[in-house]
Amino acid sequence: MLNQTVKYTAILPQDCVTELRSMADKKVIPSVNQGIRIAVEDFLKARKEHEYQRNMREAAGDEAFIKRMTDTMKAFEFADAKVDGEW
């Protein structure tokens, strides 16, 4: 199923719009709209990754988290060994 889309007006710097139009004219991107959509998706993905990394750094200092993770790894040691490195 495709994501539902909504129209949203945003104010962008003129030089960015000019560059996007140029890229669309040269068929580097399908359209200005698609270029903006790709940029927003890439930004959101990068921010989520950044947040995940920050959370993992915080968790590394949490003794209870480390114990749970170590216990879980030990619990699956046998199952992981049976796979022979393939999933």
Protein backbone atom coordinates (compact mmCIF):
# COMPACT_ATOMS: atom_id res chain seq x y z
CA MET A 1 0.00 0.00 0.00
CA LEU A 2 1.29 3.44 -0.90
CA ASN A 3 1.78 6.08 1.74
CA GLN A 4 -0.96 8.65 1.78
CA THR A 5 0.29 12.04 0.67
CA VAL A 6 -0.77 15.52 1.70
CA LYS A 7 -0.17 18.88 0.12
CA TYR A 8 1.99 21.11 2.26
CA THR A 9 3.30 24.55 1.46
CA ALA A 10 6.87 25.29 2.52
CA ILE A 11 9.13 28.28 2.06
CA LEU A 12 12.46 27.38 0.49
CA PRO A 13 15.49 29.47 -0.43
CA GLN A 14 15.33 30.65 -4.06
CA ASP A 15 18.73 29.17 -4.90
CA CYS A 16 17.58 25.74 -3.73
CA VAL A 17 14.46 25.90 -5.89
CA THR A 18 16.50 27.09 -8.88
CA GLU A 19 18.92 24.22 -8.45
CA LEU A 20 16.08 21.70 -8.09
CA ARG A 21 14.43 23.04 -11.26
CA SER A 22 17.73 22.76 -13.11
CA MET A 23 18.14 19.17 -11.92
CA ALA A 24 14.59 18.34 -13.00
CA ASP A 25 15.16 19.94 -16.43
CA LYS A 26 18.30 17.81 -16.85
CA LYS A 27 16.34 14.71 -15.72
CA VAL A 28 18.67 14.21 -12.74
CA ILE A 29 15.52 14.04 -10.62
CA PRO A 30 12.01 13.31 -11.90
CA SER A 31 10.61 16.61 -10.65
CA VAL A 32 11.16 19.40 -8.14
CA ASN A 33 8.50 17.84 -5.93
CA GLN A 34 10.22 14.45 -6.07
CA GLY A 35 13.57 16.06 -5.25
CA ILE A 36 12.07 17.69 -2.18
CA ARG A 37 10.39 14.43 -1.16
CA ILE A 38 13.68 12.51 -1.49
CA ALA A 39 15.50 15.16 0.56
CA VAL A 40 12.89 15.04 3.33
CA GLU A 41 12.91 11.22 3.41
CA ASP A 42 16.73 11.19 3.57
CA PHE A 43 16.70 13.81 6.34
CA LEU A 44 14.17 11.85 8.41
CA LYS A 45 16.13 8.62 7.95
CA ALA A 46 19.37 10.34 9.05
CA ARG A 47 17.69 11.90 12.10
CA LYS A 48 16.22 8.54 13.14
CA GLU A 49 19.67 6.94 12.82
CA HIS A 50 21.19 9.78 14.85
CA GLU A 51 18.54 9.31 17.56
CA TYR A 52 19.12 5.55 17.58
CA GLN A 53 22.88 6.05 18.00
CA ARG A 54 22.28 8.54 20.83
CA ASN A 55 19.95 6.09 22.58
CA MET A 56 22.51 3.30 22.24
CA ARG A 57 25.24 5.50 23.75
CA GLU A 58 22.93 6.24 26.69
CA ALA A 59 22.01 2.56 27.04
CA ALA A 60 25.69 1.60 27.14
CA GLY A 61 25.88 3.32 30.51
CA ASP A 62 22.79 1.55 31.86
CA GLU A 63 23.91 -1.53 33.80
CA ALA A 64 20.42 -3.09 33.77
CA PHE A 65 20.23 -2.73 29.98
CA ILE A 66 23.67 -4.30 29.52
CA LYS A 67 22.69 -7.22 31.76
CA ARG A 68 19.44 -7.81 29.85
CA MET A 69 21.28 -7.66 26.54
CA THR A 70 24.02 -10.03 27.74
CA ASP A 71 21.45 -12.47 29.14
CA THR A 72 19.52 -12.39 25.85
CA MET A 73 22.69 -12.97 23.82
CA LYS A 74 23.55 -15.96 26.00
CA ALA A 75 20.03 -17.34 25.65
CA PHE A 76 20.33 -17.32 21.85
CA GLU A 77 23.95 -18.51 21.65
CA PHE A 78 22.97 -22.09 20.78
CA ALA A 79 20.36 -21.05 18.20
CA ASP A 80 22.80 -18.66 16.54
CA ALA A 81 25.49 -21.36 16.37
CA LYS A 82 23.10 -23.71 14.55
CA VAL A 83 22.67 -21.24 11.69
CA ASP A 84 26.34 -21.47 10.59
CA GLY A 85 26.55 -17.73 9.99
CA GLU A 86 23.67 -17.67 7.49
CA TRP A 87 20.21 -16.25 7.98
